[in-house]
Amino acid sequence: MEIKQTGILIVSAPRCGSTNLMKSLASTYDKNFSFEPDLINQYPKFSYNDVVKIVPFWETHVLHTNSFRYNLLLENIKQFNNIILLKRKNFIEQLESYYVMKKYSTGKIDRKWGNEEINKDDSYYFFKEYLSKTNEVIDRLSADLNLEINYYEDIFKDKKLKNYKLDLSFLDSSNKLKQINKERLV
């Protein structure tokens, strides 16, 4: 089936460039996009013809382990004909980006940053556990769906994604959120 006739699902850990990838694919294939709907409860409503980006595991799942319904998540993911699994190779950069978004950006996902201090406080370790568990869920989905995992670093460096065309304007380095190379404080 041609991509123009069906939707694309991006299953991503946080801070892996998935929002820009979603916008790139939506632009290329002239589709609407849906930003992080609840795939289990299908809220807010979305179309299976859209480019849909989800994070498969939430912070609340760390706190309430019984609330995570992997099998239902897997079955709903299978409703899409085109599935992209996305992670990041550099876990520390992913963790720092998530930490800054939560601690300094009050959840604003597209705020540029670079000078914020990364403290190893309780929230840092909670975020580390959360991201680790989210990456484990993506690894499990990869095995259960027999799909390879794509990596942020490869897509944004090579400006390509196997089997898909991309609007490269969304992959431009000016869209990177971390703008200043600094010594690590972690």
Protein backbone atom coordinates (compact mmCIF):
# COMPACT_ATOMS: atom_id res chain seq x y z
CA MET A 1 0.00 0.00 0.00
CA GLU A 2 1.28 3.44 -0.89
CA ILE A 3 2.06 5.80 2.00
CA LYS A 4 -0.22 8.49 0.58
CA GLN A 5 -3.16 6.12 1.12
CA THR A 6 -2.39 5.21 4.72
CA GLY A 7 -1.06 6.68 7.93
CA ILE A 8 2.31 6.58 9.65
CA LEU A 9 2.84 5.90 13.35
CA ILE A 10 5.99 7.11 15.09
CA VAL A 11 6.60 5.35 18.40
CA SER A 12 9.27 7.31 20.17
CA ALA A 13 10.93 7.89 23.46
CA PRO A 14 10.85 11.57 24.53
CA ARG A 15 13.53 13.95 23.24
CA CYS A 16 14.41 11.93 20.14
CA GLY A 17 13.46 14.42 17.43
CA SER A 18 10.11 12.74 16.89
CA THR A 19 8.13 15.98 16.66
CA ASN A 20 10.29 17.30 13.82
CA LEU A 21 10.21 13.87 12.16
CA MET A 22 6.40 13.84 12.43
CA LYS A 23 6.18 17.30 10.85
CA SER A 24 8.66 16.33 8.14
CA LEU A 25 6.64 13.26 7.15
CA ALA A 26 3.32 15.12 7.32
CA SER A 27 4.70 17.83 5.07
CA THR A 28 6.19 15.37 2.59
CA TYR A 29 3.06 13.24 2.28
CA ASP A 30 0.57 16.11 2.65
CA LYS A 31 -1.01 14.62 5.77
CA ASN A 32 -2.36 15.92 9.03
CA PHE A 33 -0.41 15.05 12.13
CA SER A 34 -1.46 14.11 15.62
CA PHE A 35 0.87 14.93 18.50
CA GLU A 36 0.97 12.31 21.23
CA PRO A 37 -2.62 11.11 21.47
CA ASP A 38 -3.47 8.38 23.95
CA LEU A 39 -3.35 5.41 21.58
CA ILE A 40 -5.03 3.11 24.09
CA ASN A 41 -8.11 5.31 24.62
CA GLN A 42 -7.84 6.99 21.20
CA TYR A 43 -8.05 10.45 22.71
CA PRO A 44 -7.85 13.03 21.40
CA LYS A 45 -9.37 11.64 18.23
CA PHE A 46 -7.04 11.03 15.32
CA SER A 47 -7.22 9.40 11.93
CA TYR A 48 -5.30 6.27 10.99
CA ASN A 49 -4.46 8.19 7.80
CA ASP A 50 -2.53 10.86 9.77
CA VAL A 51 1.09 10.94 10.83
CA VAL A 52 0.67 10.06 14.49
CA LYS A 53 3.44 10.37 17.06
CA ILE A 54 3.17 8.62 20.43
CA VAL A 55 5.30 8.04 23.47
CA PRO A 56 4.38 4.47 24.47
CA PHE A 57 5.16 4.76 28.18
CA TRP A 58 4.35 7.66 30.50
CA GLU A 59 5.75 8.95 33.76
CA THR A 60 2.57 7.79 35.50
CA HIS A 61 3.38 4.22 34.44
CA VAL A 62 6.57 4.36 36.53
CA LEU A 63 4.55 5.42 39.56
CA HIS A 64 1.62 3.07 38.89
CA THR A 65 3.06 -0.01 37.20
CA ASN A 66 -0.33 -1.73 36.97
CA SER A 67 -1.65 1.08 34.77
CA PHE A 68 0.55 0.11 31.80
CA ARG A 69 -1.30 -2.15 29.33
CA TYR A 70 1.38 -3.37 26.95
CA ASN A 71 -0.76 -5.91 25.05
CA LEU A 72 -3.46 -3.35 24.28
CA LEU A 73 -0.80 -0.86 23.20
CA LEU A 74 0.73 -3.49 20.89
CA GLU A 75 -2.63 -4.34 19.31
CA ASN A 76 -3.41 -0.67 18.66
CA ILE A 77 0.01 -0.09 17.14
CA LYS A 78 -0.66 -2.95 14.73
CA GLN A 79 -3.58 -0.95 13.29
CA PHE A 80 -1.03 1.14 11.39
CA ASN A 81 0.55 -0.08 8.16
CA ASN A 82 3.63 2.14 8.56
CA ILE A 83 5.35 2.08 11.94
CA ILE A 84 8.58 3.87 12.82
CA LEU A 85 10.31 3.06 16.10
CA LEU A 86 12.60 5.86 17.27
CA LYS A 87 15.17 6.10 20.05
CA ARG A 88 18.36 7.99 20.75
CA LYS A 89 21.83 6.47 20.92
CA ASN A 90 23.17 9.03 23.39
CA PHE A 91 21.10 8.40 26.51
CA ILE A 92 22.79 11.14 28.56
CA GLU A 93 21.90 13.80 25.96
CA GLN A 94 18.34 12.49 25.87
CA LEU A 95 18.15 12.61 29.68
CA GLU A 96 19.60 16.13 29.85
CA SER A 97 17.15 17.38 27.24
CA TYR A 98 14.21 15.83 29.08
CA TYR A 99 15.45 17.18 32.42
CA VAL A 100 15.74 20.72 31.04
CA MET A 101 12.31 20.52 29.41
CA LYS A 102 10.69 19.42 32.67
CA LYS A 103 12.66 21.58 35.12
CA TYR A 104 13.28 24.81 33.21
CA SER A 105 10.91 24.87 30.26
CA THR A 106 7.77 23.95 32.20
CA GLY A 107 6.98 21.32 29.61
CA LYS A 108 7.41 23.61 26.58
CA ILE A 109 8.71 21.05 24.10
CA ASP A 110 10.36 23.38 21.59
CA ARG A 111 12.26 25.79 23.86
CA LYS A 112 15.91 26.13 22.89
CA TRP A 113 18.39 25.64 25.71
CA GLY A 114 22.06 25.36 26.51
CA ASN A 115 23.05 27.12 29.73
CA GLU A 116 20.74 25.43 32.19
CA GLU A 117 22.34 23.50 35.00
CA ILE A 118 21.81 19.75 35.12
CA ASN A 119 21.52 18.72 38.76
CA LYS A 120 21.42 15.16 39.94
CA ASP A 121 18.43 15.76 42.16
CA ASP A 122 15.55 13.36 42.81
CA SER A 123 13.78 14.37 39.61
CA TYR A 124 16.92 13.65 37.56
CA TYR A 125 16.94 10.05 38.80
CA PHE A 126 13.21 9.70 38.31
CA PHE A 127 13.52 10.95 34.70
CA LYS A 128 16.44 8.57 34.17
CA GLU A 129 14.30 5.63 35.31
CA TYR A 130 11.35 6.80 33.21
CA LEU A 131 13.40 7.16 30.01
CA SER A 132 15.13 3.83 30.60
CA LYS A 133 11.78 2.06 30.95
CA THR A 134 10.41 3.84 27.88
CA ASN A 135 13.42 2.68 25.86
CA GLU A 136 12.83 -0.87 27.14
CA VAL A 137 9.23 -0.72 25.89
CA ILE A 138 10.48 0.34 22.44
CA ASP A 139 12.99 -2.52 22.47
CA ARG A 140 10.16 -4.93 23.31
CA LEU A 141 7.97 -3.49 20.54
CA SER A 142 10.88 -3.91 18.13
CA ALA A 143 11.12 -7.61 18.99
CA ASP A 144 7.35 -8.24 18.99
CA LEU A 145 6.73 -6.36 15.72
CA ASN A 146 9.96 -7.52 14.09
CA LEU A 147 10.85 -3.91 13.28
CA GLU A 148 14.21 -2.23 13.44
CA ILE A 149 14.72 0.77 15.65
CA ASN A 150 15.69 4.05 14.01
CA TYR A 151 17.94 6.50 15.81
CA TYR A 152 17.71 10.27 16.10
CA GLU A 153 21.43 10.70 15.47
CA ASP A 154 21.31 8.76 12.16
CA ILE A 155 18.18 10.44 10.78
CA PHE A 156 19.32 13.98 11.57
CA LYS A 157 22.92 13.39 10.42
CA ASP A 158 22.12 11.50 7.20
CA LYS A 159 18.89 13.42 6.50
CA LYS A 160 17.11 10.24 5.45
CA LEU A 161 14.90 7.47 6.75
CA LYS A 162 14.70 4.12 5.01
CA ASN A 163 11.45 3.71 3.00
CA TYR A 164 10.30 7.30 3.58
CA LYS A 165 10.76 10.66 1.93
CA LEU A 166 11.42 13.60 4.25
CA ASP A 167 10.92 17.34 4.14
CA LEU A 168 14.48 18.26 5.08
CA SER A 169 13.57 21.74 6.32
CA PHE A 170 12.41 20.09 9.56
CA LEU A 171 15.75 18.31 9.95
CA ASP A 172 17.85 21.46 9.71
CA SER A 173 20.36 21.95 12.54
CA SER A 174 18.73 25.28 13.40
CA ASN A 175 15.81 23.22 14.74
CA LYS A 176 18.01 21.54 17.36
CA LEU A 177 16.99 22.55 20.84
CA LYS A 178 20.40 22.32 22.49
CA GLN A 179 22.20 25.31 21.05
CA ILE A 180 25.37 25.61 23.10
CA ASN A 181 28.02 22.95 23.52
CA LYS A 182 29.04 23.08 27.14
CA GLU A 183 30.93 20.94 29.59
CA ARG A 184 28.78 18.26 31.08
CA LEU A 185 27.59 18.96 34.57
CA VAL A 186 26.40 15.39 35.11
